[in-house]
Amino acid sequence: MTASTAPTPTLPQASAPAPSVHVRAVITWLAIFPLVSVGMLLLAPISESWHPILRALVLTAVVVPLAVYAVVPRLLRVYGALARRRAAR
């Protein structure tokens, strides 16, 4: 009778600890500031006559989802990769 050898399961890669609230705040700011700046520049020519509240509504309706679903997750991935690289040293 021969014993079958099952493949040894590999352990998942150790993930870096979640960034602190301060790091998340900086990462969020790094996403929001450029998006708001570019958004204001692009919106300015067509929104000069708009009420400031309407301008803010339109700008945030574009910037917030873009930041939350696209930019911040990418920045957090970059931060995680850098943190893992630093931890491996």
PDB file of N, CA and C in Angstrom:
ATOM      1  N   MET A   1       0.838  -1.170   0.000  1.00  0.00           N
ATOM      2  CA  MET A   1       0.000   0.000   0.000  1.00  0.00           C
ATOM      3  C   MET A   1       0.892   1.245   0.000  1.00  0.00           C
ATOM      4  N   THR A   2       0.593   2.170  -0.886  1.00  0.00           N
ATOM      5  CA  THR A   2       1.414   3.381  -0.942  1.00  0.00           C
ATOM      6  C   THR A   2       0.627   4.559  -0.382  1.00  0.00           C
ATOM      7  N   ALA A   3       1.330   5.370   0.315  1.00  0.00           N
ATOM      8  CA  ALA A   3       0.701   6.568   0.886  1.00  0.00           C
ATOM      9  C   ALA A   3       0.746   7.677  -0.151  1.00  0.00           C
ATOM     10  N   SER A   4      -0.387   8.301  -0.363  1.00  0.00           N
ATOM     11  CA  SER A   4      -0.383   9.413  -1.321  1.00  0.00           C
ATOM     12  C   SER A   4       0.059  10.675  -0.587  1.00  0.00           C
ATOM     13  N   THR A   5       0.809  11.437  -1.299  1.00  0.00           N
ATOM     14  CA  THR A   5       1.276  12.686  -0.691  1.00  0.00           C
ATOM     15  C   THR A   5       0.462  13.834  -1.257  1.00  0.00           C
ATOM     16  N   ALA A   6      -0.268  14.451  -0.393  1.00  0.00           N
ATOM     17  CA  ALA A   6      -1.066  15.614  -0.799  1.00  0.00           C
ATOM     18  C   ALA A   6      -0.160  16.832  -0.822  1.00  0.00           C
ATOM     19  N   PRO A   7      -0.404  17.737  -1.735  1.00  0.00           N
ATOM     20  CA  PRO A   7       0.425  18.941  -1.768  1.00  0.00           C
ATOM     21  C   PRO A   7       0.264  19.731  -0.473  1.00  0.00           C
ATOM     22  N   THR A   8       1.358  20.248  -0.022  1.00  0.00           N
ATOM     23  CA  THR A   8       1.334  21.048   1.198  1.00  0.00           C
ATOM     24  C   THR A   8       0.678  22.393   0.898  1.00  0.00           C
ATOM     25  N   PRO A   9      -0.349  22.739   1.662  1.00  0.00           N
ATOM     26  CA  PRO A   9      -0.983  24.033   1.393  1.00  0.00           C
ATOM     27  C   PRO A   9      -0.026  25.173   1.724  1.00  0.00           C
ATOM     28  N   THR A  10      -0.084  26.174   0.911  1.00  0.00           N
ATOM     29  CA  THR A  10       0.769  27.335   1.165  1.00  0.00           C
ATOM     30  C   THR A  10       0.004  28.340   2.001  1.00  0.00           C
ATOM     31  N   LEU A  11       0.698  28.973   2.868  1.00  0.00           N
ATOM     32  CA  LEU A  11       0.084  29.986   3.721  1.00  0.00           C
ATOM     33  C   LEU A  11      -0.078  31.277   2.933  1.00  0.00           C
ATOM     34  N   PRO A  12      -1.149  31.995   3.201  1.00  0.00           N
ATOM     35  CA  PRO A  12      -1.305  33.266   2.502  1.00  0.00           C
ATOM     36  C   PRO A  12      -0.210  34.235   2.901  1.00  0.00           C
ATOM     37  N   GLN A  13       0.107  35.108   1.976  1.00  0.00           N
ATOM     38  CA  GLN A  13       1.141  36.095   2.246  1.00  0.00           C
ATOM     39  C   GLN A  13       0.715  36.981   3.401  1.00  0.00           C
ATOM     40  N   ALA A  14       1.632  37.249   4.287  1.00  0.00           N
ATOM     41  CA  ALA A  14       1.323  38.117   5.415  1.00  0.00           C
ATOM     42  C   ALA A  14       1.040  39.517   4.888  1.00  0.00           C
ATOM     43  N   SER A  15      -0.080  40.040   5.293  1.00  0.00           N
ATOM     44  CA  SER A  15      -0.418  41.386   4.825  1.00  0.00           C
ATOM     45  C   SER A  15       0.082  42.412   5.831  1.00  0.00           C
ATOM     46  N   ALA A  16       0.315  43.586   5.322  1.00  0.00           N
ATOM     47  CA  ALA A  16       0.760  44.671   6.185  1.00  0.00           C
ATOM     48  C   ALA A  16      -0.407  45.084   7.067  1.00  0.00           C
ATOM     49  N   PRO A  17      -0.124  45.574   8.257  1.00  0.00           N
ATOM     50  CA  PRO A  17      -1.223  46.034   9.113  1.00  0.00           C
ATOM     51  C   PRO A  17      -1.951  47.199   8.453  1.00  0.00           C
ATOM     52  N   ALA A  18      -3.196  47.361   8.795  1.00  0.00           N
ATOM     53  CA  ALA A  18      -3.991  48.458   8.238  1.00  0.00           C
ATOM     54  C   ALA A  18      -3.323  49.785   8.585  1.00  0.00           C
ATOM     55  N   PRO A  19      -3.325  50.726   7.658  1.00  0.00           N
ATOM     56  CA  PRO A  19      -2.705  52.016   7.949  1.00  0.00           C
ATOM     57  C   PRO A  19      -3.455  52.745   9.059  1.00  0.00           C
ATOM     58  N   SER A  20      -2.731  53.546   9.789  1.00  0.00           N
ATOM     59  CA  SER A  20      -3.342  54.317  10.876  1.00  0.00           C
ATOM     60  C   SER A  20      -4.316  55.338  10.308  1.00  0.00           C
ATOM     61  N   VAL A  21      -5.130  55.882  11.175  1.00  0.00           N
ATOM     62  CA  VAL A  21      -6.092  56.885  10.746  1.00  0.00           C
ATOM     63  C   VAL A  21      -5.371  58.103  10.164  1.00  0.00           C
ATOM     64  N   HIS A  22      -4.194  58.402  10.668  1.00  0.00           N
ATOM     65  CA  HIS A  22      -3.437  59.543  10.162  1.00  0.00           C
ATOM     66  C   HIS A  22      -2.930  59.287   8.739  1.00  0.00           C
ATOM     67  N   VAL A  23      -2.454  58.090   8.493  1.00  0.00           N
ATOM     68  CA  VAL A  23      -1.987  57.723   7.158  1.00  0.00           C
ATOM     69  C   VAL A  23      -3.164  57.732   6.187  1.00  0.00           C
ATOM     70  N   ARG A  24      -4.303  57.187   6.613  1.00  0.00           N
ATOM     71  CA  ARG A  24      -5.487  57.199   5.749  1.00  0.00           C
ATOM     72  C   ARG A  24      -5.934  58.618   5.441  1.00  0.00           C
ATOM     73  N   ALA A  25      -5.827  59.516   6.430  1.00  0.00           N
ATOM     74  CA  ALA A  25      -6.197  60.916   6.192  1.00  0.00           C
ATOM     75  C   ALA A  25      -5.283  61.553   5.150  1.00  0.00           C
ATOM     76  N   VAL A  26      -3.990  61.303   5.251  1.00  0.00           N
ATOM     77  CA  VAL A  26      -3.038  61.860   4.273  1.00  0.00           C
ATOM     78  C   VAL A  26      -3.295  61.271   2.890  1.00  0.00           C
ATOM     79  N   ILE A  27      -3.531  59.969   2.818  1.00  0.00           N
ATOM     80  CA  ILE A  27      -3.801  59.325   1.532  1.00  0.00           C
ATOM     81  C   ILE A  27      -5.078  59.893   0.917  1.00  0.00           C
ATOM     82  N   THR A  28      -6.100  60.086   1.730  1.00  0.00           N
ATOM     83  CA  THR A  28      -7.349  60.661   1.227  1.00  0.00           C
ATOM     84  C   THR A  28      -7.121  62.074   0.728  1.00  0.00           C
ATOM     85  N   TRP A  29      -6.360  62.849   1.463  1.00  0.00           N
ATOM     86  CA  TRP A  29      -6.061  64.216   1.022  1.00  0.00           C
ATOM     87  C   TRP A  29      -5.277  64.199  -0.290  1.00  0.00           C
ATOM     88  N   LEU A  30      -4.316  63.281  -0.404  1.00  0.00           N
ATOM     89  CA  LEU A  30      -3.542  63.165  -1.651  1.00  0.00           C
ATOM     90  C   LEU A  30      -4.436  62.817  -2.840  1.00  0.00           C
ATOM     91  N   ALA A  31      -5.543  62.175  -2.589  1.00  0.00           N
ATOM     92  CA  ALA A  31      -6.488  61.869  -3.669  1.00  0.00           C
ATOM     93  C   ALA A  31      -7.414  63.050  -3.936  1.00  0.00           C
ATOM     94  N   ILE A  32      -7.936  63.645  -2.884  1.00  0.00           N
ATOM     95  CA  ILE A  32      -8.966  64.681  -3.028  1.00  0.00           C
ATOM     96  C   ILE A  32      -8.401  65.985  -3.578  1.00  0.00           C
ATOM     97  N   PHE A  33      -7.274  66.446  -3.063  1.00  0.00           N
ATOM     98  CA  PHE A  33      -6.757  67.765  -3.462  1.00  0.00           C
ATOM     99  C   PHE A  33      -6.555  67.886  -4.974  1.00  0.00           C
ATOM    100  N   PRO A  34      -5.838  66.963  -5.616  1.00  0.00           N
ATOM    101  CA  PRO A  34      -5.672  67.108  -7.069  1.00  0.00           C
ATOM    102  C   PRO A  34      -6.994  66.982  -7.832  1.00  0.00           C
ATOM    103  N   LEU A  35      -7.878  66.090  -7.374  1.00  0.00           N
ATOM    104  CA  LEU A  35      -9.156  65.938  -8.062  1.00  0.00           C
ATOM    105  C   LEU A  35      -9.988  67.214  -7.970  1.00  0.00           C
ATOM    106  N   VAL A  36     -10.021  67.827  -6.795  1.00  0.00           N
ATOM    107  CA  VAL A  36     -10.772  69.074  -6.629  1.00  0.00           C
ATOM    108  C   VAL A  36     -10.132  70.192  -7.441  1.00  0.00           C
ATOM    109  N   SER A  37      -8.816  70.276  -7.408  1.00  0.00           N
ATOM    110  CA  SER A  37      -8.119  71.333  -8.149  1.00  0.00           C
ATOM    111  C   SER A  37      -8.393  71.233  -9.646  1.00  0.00           C
ATOM    112  N   VAL A  38      -8.232  70.047 -10.196  1.00  0.00           N
ATOM    113  CA  VAL A  38      -8.473  69.853 -11.627  1.00  0.00           C
ATOM    114  C   VAL A  38      -9.963  70.045 -11.934  1.00  0.00           C
ATOM    115  N   GLY A  39     -10.813  69.540 -11.065  1.00  0.00           N
ATOM    116  CA  GLY A  39     -12.252  69.701 -11.269  1.00  0.00           C
ATOM    117  C   GLY A  39     -12.667  71.161 -11.282  1.00  0.00           C
ATOM    118  N   MET A  40     -12.101  71.951 -10.388  1.00  0.00           N
ATOM    119  CA  MET A  40     -12.423  73.380 -10.365  1.00  0.00           C
ATOM    120  C   MET A  40     -11.967  74.062 -11.647  1.00  0.00           C
ATOM    121  N   LEU A  41     -10.778  73.707 -12.118  1.00  0.00           N
ATOM    122  CA  LEU A  41     -10.270  74.303 -13.357  1.00  0.00           C
ATOM    123  C   LEU A  41     -11.138  73.927 -14.560  1.00  0.00           C
ATOM    124  N   LEU A  42     -11.569  72.686 -14.618  1.00  0.00           N
ATOM    125  CA  LEU A  42     -12.391  72.235 -15.740  1.00  0.00           C
ATOM    126  C   LEU A  42     -13.817  72.786 -15.676  1.00  0.00           C
ATOM    127  N   LEU A  43     -14.331  72.941 -14.475  1.00  0.00           N
ATOM    128  CA  LEU A  43     -15.703  73.394 -14.292  1.00  0.00           C
ATOM    129  C   LEU A  43     -15.842  74.915 -14.393  1.00  0.00           C
ATOM    130  N   ALA A  44     -14.779  75.641 -14.122  1.00  0.00           N
ATOM    131  CA  ALA A  44     -14.829  77.107 -14.058  1.00  0.00           C
ATOM    132  C   ALA A  44     -15.419  77.764 -15.309  1.00  0.00           C
ATOM    133  N   PRO A  45     -14.988  77.396 -16.511  1.00  0.00           N
ATOM    134  CA  PRO A  45     -15.510  78.100 -17.684  1.00  0.00           C
ATOM    135  C   PRO A  45     -17.022  77.959 -17.889  1.00  0.00           C
ATOM    136  N   ILE A  46     -17.582  76.831 -17.484  1.00  0.00           N
ATOM    137  CA  ILE A  46     -19.018  76.637 -17.724  1.00  0.00           C
ATOM    138  C   ILE A  46     -19.871  76.969 -16.504  1.00  0.00           C
ATOM    139  N   SER A  47     -19.264  77.213 -15.358  1.00  0.00           N
ATOM    140  CA  SER A  47     -20.049  77.387 -14.138  1.00  0.00           C
ATOM    141  C   SER A  47     -19.913  78.769 -13.502  1.00  0.00           C
ATOM    142  N   GLU A  48     -19.398  79.739 -14.250  1.00  0.00           N
ATOM    143  CA  GLU A  48     -19.204  81.077 -13.675  1.00  0.00           C
ATOM    144  C   GLU A  48     -20.505  81.674 -13.151  1.00  0.00           C
ATOM    145  N   SER A  49     -21.582  81.461 -13.837  1.00  0.00           N
ATOM    146  CA  SER A  49     -22.848  82.076 -13.442  1.00  0.00           C
ATOM    147  C   SER A  49     -23.632  81.231 -12.430  1.00  0.00           C
ATOM    148  N   TRP A  50     -23.144  80.035 -12.124  1.00  0.00           N
ATOM    149  CA  TRP A  50     -23.851  79.154 -11.201  1.00  0.00           C
ATOM    150  C   TRP A  50     -23.715  79.652  -9.763  1.00  0.00           C
ATOM    151  N   HIS A  51     -24.674  79.307  -8.965  1.00  0.00           N
ATOM    152  CA  HIS A  51     -24.596  79.567  -7.519  1.00  0.00           C
ATOM    153  C   HIS A  51     -23.468  78.687  -6.959  1.00  0.00           C
ATOM    154  N   PRO A  52     -22.708  79.200  -5.982  1.00  0.00           N
ATOM    155  CA  PRO A  52     -21.595  78.407  -5.418  1.00  0.00           C
ATOM    156  C   PRO A  52     -22.024  77.038  -4.879  1.00  0.00           C
ATOM    157  N   ILE A  53     -23.217  76.953  -4.339  1.00  0.00           N
ATOM    158  CA  ILE A  53     -23.705  75.661  -3.830  1.00  0.00           C
ATOM    159  C   ILE A  53     -23.885  74.668  -4.981  1.00  0.00           C
ATOM    160  N   LEU A  54     -24.399  75.117  -6.098  1.00  0.00           N
ATOM    161  CA  LEU A  54     -24.558  74.237  -7.260  1.00  0.00           C
ATOM    162  C   LEU A  54     -23.198  73.791  -7.785  1.00  0.00           C
ATOM    163  N   ARG A  55     -22.241  74.728  -7.821  1.00  0.00           N
ATOM    164  CA  ARG A  55     -20.881  74.361  -8.250  1.00  0.00           C
ATOM    165  C   ARG A  55     -20.298  73.289  -7.340  1.00  0.00           C
ATOM    166  N   ALA A  56     -20.459  73.482  -6.023  1.00  0.00           N
ATOM    167  CA  ALA A  56     -19.945  72.505  -5.060  1.00  0.00           C
ATOM    168  C   ALA A  56     -20.645  71.158  -5.213  1.00  0.00           C
ATOM    169  N   LEU A  57     -21.948  71.187  -5.461  1.00  0.00           N
ATOM    170  CA  LEU A  57     -22.710  69.952  -5.641  1.00  0.00           C
ATOM    171  C   LEU A  57     -22.198  69.164  -6.845  1.00  0.00           C
ATOM    172  N   VAL A  58     -22.038  69.834  -7.965  1.00  0.00           N
ATOM    173  CA  VAL A  58     -21.577  69.161  -9.185  1.00  0.00           C
ATOM    174  C   VAL A  58     -20.153  68.642  -9.002  1.00  0.00           C
ATOM    175  N   LEU A  59     -19.291  69.483  -8.437  1.00  0.00           N
ATOM    176  CA  LEU A  59     -17.897  69.085  -8.247  1.00  0.00           C
ATOM    177  C   LEU A  59     -17.787  67.873  -7.328  1.00  0.00           C
ATOM    178  N   THR A  60     -18.478  67.906  -6.192  1.00  0.00           N
ATOM    179  CA  THR A  60     -18.373  66.785  -5.257  1.00  0.00           C
ATOM    180  C   THR A  60     -19.068  65.537  -5.782  1.00  0.00           C
ATOM    181  N   ALA A  61     -20.101  65.709  -6.625  1.00  0.00           N
ATOM    182  CA  ALA A  61     -20.778  64.548  -7.206  1.00  0.00           C
ATOM    183  C   ALA A  61     -19.838  63.762  -8.125  1.00  0.00           C
ATOM    184  N   VAL A  62     -18.847  64.433  -8.660  1.00  0.00           N
ATOM    185  CA  VAL A  62     -17.861  63.765  -9.522  1.00  0.00           C
ATOM    186  C   VAL A  62     -16.647  63.323  -8.703  1.00  0.00           C
ATOM    187  N   VAL A  63     -16.142  64.205  -7.865  1.00  0.00           N
ATOM    188  CA  VAL A  63     -14.877  63.955  -7.159  1.00  0.00           C
ATOM    189  C   VAL A  63     -15.005  62.845  -6.114  1.00  0.00           C
ATOM    190  N   VAL A  64     -16.060  62.846  -5.321  1.00  0.00           N
ATOM    191  CA  VAL A  64     -16.167  61.875  -4.225  1.00  0.00           C
ATOM    192  C   VAL A  64     -16.213  60.435  -4.737  1.00  0.00           C
ATOM    193  N   PRO A  65     -17.093  60.093  -5.675  1.00  0.00           N
ATOM    194  CA  PRO A  65     -17.067  58.704  -6.161  1.00  0.00           C
ATOM    195  C   PRO A  65     -15.745  58.331  -6.839  1.00  0.00           C
ATOM    196  N   LEU A  66     -15.188  59.262  -7.592  1.00  0.00           N
ATOM    197  CA  LEU A  66     -13.906  58.997  -8.241  1.00  0.00           C
ATOM    198  C   LEU A  66     -12.823  58.704  -7.201  1.00  0.00           C
ATOM    199  N   ALA A  67     -12.797  59.485  -6.141  1.00  0.00           N
ATOM    200  CA  ALA A  67     -11.811  59.276  -5.082  1.00  0.00           C
ATOM    201  C   ALA A  67     -12.064  57.972  -4.338  1.00  0.00           C
ATOM    202  N   VAL A  68     -13.308  57.730  -3.948  1.00  0.00           N
ATOM    203  CA  VAL A  68     -13.638  56.563  -3.120  1.00  0.00           C
ATOM    204  C   VAL A  68     -13.452  55.246  -3.869  1.00  0.00           C
ATOM    205  N   TYR A  69     -13.868  55.211  -5.122  1.00  0.00           N
ATOM    206  CA  TYR A  69     -13.850  53.938  -5.854  1.00  0.00           C
ATOM    207  C   TYR A  69     -12.609  53.717  -6.711  1.00  0.00           C
ATOM    208  N   ALA A  70     -11.876  54.764  -7.031  1.00  0.00           N
ATOM    209  CA  ALA A  70     -10.739  54.595  -7.940  1.00  0.00           C
ATOM    210  C   ALA A  70      -9.415  55.026  -7.328  1.00  0.00           C
ATOM    211  N   VAL A  71      -9.331  56.252  -6.874  1.00  0.00           N
ATOM    212  CA  VAL A  71      -8.025  56.808  -6.510  1.00  0.00           C
ATOM    213  C   VAL A  71      -7.539  56.333  -5.137  1.00  0.00           C
ATOM    214  N   VAL A  72      -8.369  56.446  -4.107  1.00  0.00           N
ATOM    215  CA  VAL A  72      -7.936  56.051  -2.758  1.00  0.00           C
ATOM    216  C   VAL A  72      -7.565  54.568  -2.692  1.00  0.00           C
ATOM    217  N   PRO A  73      -8.361  53.651  -3.258  1.00  0.00           N
ATOM    218  CA  PRO A  73      -7.933  52.244  -3.215  1.00  0.00           C
ATOM    219  C   PRO A  73      -6.573  52.008  -3.881  1.00  0.00           C
ATOM    220  N   ARG A  74      -6.314  52.694  -4.982  1.00  0.00           N
ATOM    221  CA  ARG A  74      -5.000  52.531  -5.634  1.00  0.00           C
ATOM    222  C   ARG A  74      -3.888  53.068  -4.752  1.00  0.00           C
ATOM    223  N   LEU A  75      -4.114  54.213  -4.142  1.00  0.00           N
ATOM    224  CA  LEU A  75      -3.094  54.774  -3.254  1.00  0.00           C
ATOM    225  C   LEU A  75      -2.873  53.870  -2.038  1.00  0.00           C
ATOM    226  N   LEU A  76      -3.938  53.279  -1.518  1.00  0.00           N
ATOM    227  CA  LEU A  76      -3.784  52.357  -0.386  1.00  0.00           C
ATOM    228  C   LEU A  76      -3.007  51.105  -0.802  1.00  0.00           C
ATOM    229  N   ARG A  77      -3.229  50.619  -2.028  1.00  0.00           N
ATOM    230  CA  ARG A  77      -2.448  49.471  -2.520  1.00  0.00           C
ATOM    231  C   ARG A  77      -0.968  49.814  -2.616  1.00  0.00           C
ATOM    232  N   VAL A  78      -0.681  51.008  -3.127  1.00  0.00           N
ATOM    233  CA  VAL A  78       0.718  51.449  -3.224  1.00  0.00           C
ATOM    234  C   VAL A  78       1.325  51.550  -1.834  1.00  0.00           C
ATOM    235  N   TYR A  79       0.585  52.134  -0.906  1.00  0.00           N
ATOM    236  CA  TYR A  79       1.074  52.247   0.468  1.00  0.00           C
ATOM    237  C   TYR A  79       1.321  50.860   1.064  1.00  0.00           C
ATOM    238  N   GLY A  80       0.393  49.919   0.843  1.00  0.00           N
ATOM    239  CA  GLY A  80       0.556  48.564   1.364  1.00  0.00           C
ATOM    240  C   GLY A  80       1.779  47.876   0.792  1.00  0.00           C
ATOM    241  N   ALA A  81       2.018  48.056  -0.500  1.00  0.00           N
ATOM    242  CA  ALA A  81       3.202  47.451  -1.126  1.00  0.00           C
ATOM    243  C   ALA A  81       4.475  48.035  -0.542  1.00  0.00           C
ATOM    244  N   LEU A  82       4.473  49.341  -0.352  1.00  0.00           N
ATOM    245  CA  LEU A  82       5.656  49.981   0.248  1.00  0.00           C
ATOM    246  C   LEU A  82       5.858  49.527   1.695  1.00  0.00           C
ATOM    247  N   ALA A  83       4.767  49.393   2.438  1.00  0.00           N
ATOM    248  CA  ALA A  83       4.870  48.958   3.834  1.00  0.00           C
ATOM    249  C   ALA A  83       5.372  47.513   3.911  1.00  0.00           C
ATOM    250  N   ARG A  84       4.871  46.642   3.017  1.00  0.00           N
ATOM    251  CA  ARG A  84       5.349  45.253   3.011  1.00  0.00           C
ATOM    252  C   ARG A  84       6.818  45.171   2.633  1.00  0.00           C
ATOM    253  N   ARG A  85       7.213  45.981   1.659  1.00  0.00           N
ATOM    254  CA  ARG A  85       8.621  45.991   1.242  1.00  0.00           C
ATOM    255  C   ARG A  85       9.498  46.452   2.401  1.00  0.00           C
ATOM    256  N   ARG A  86       9.029  47.483   3.100  1.00  0.00           N
ATOM    257  CA  ARG A  86       9.797  48.010   4.237  1.00  0.00           C
ATOM    258  C   ARG A  86       9.853  46.991   5.378  1.00  0.00           C
ATOM    259  N   ALA A  87       8.772  46.262   5.600  1.00  0.00           N
ATOM    260  CA  ALA A  87       8.727  45.265   6.667  1.00  0.00           C
ATOM    261  C   ALA A  87       9.623  44.067   6.351  1.00  0.00           C
ATOM    262  N   ALA A  88       9.823  43.789   5.069  1.00  0.00           N
ATOM    263  CA  ALA A  88      10.643  42.649   4.660  1.00  0.00           C
ATOM    264  C   ALA A  88      12.138  42.903   4.848  1.00  0.00           C
ATOM    265  N   ARG A  89      12.492  44.133   4.995  1.00  0.00           N
ATOM    266  CA  ARG A  89      13.924  44.451   5.161  1.00  0.00           C
ATOM    267  C   ARG A  89      14.464  43.950   6.457  1.00  0.00           C
TER     268      ARG A  89
END
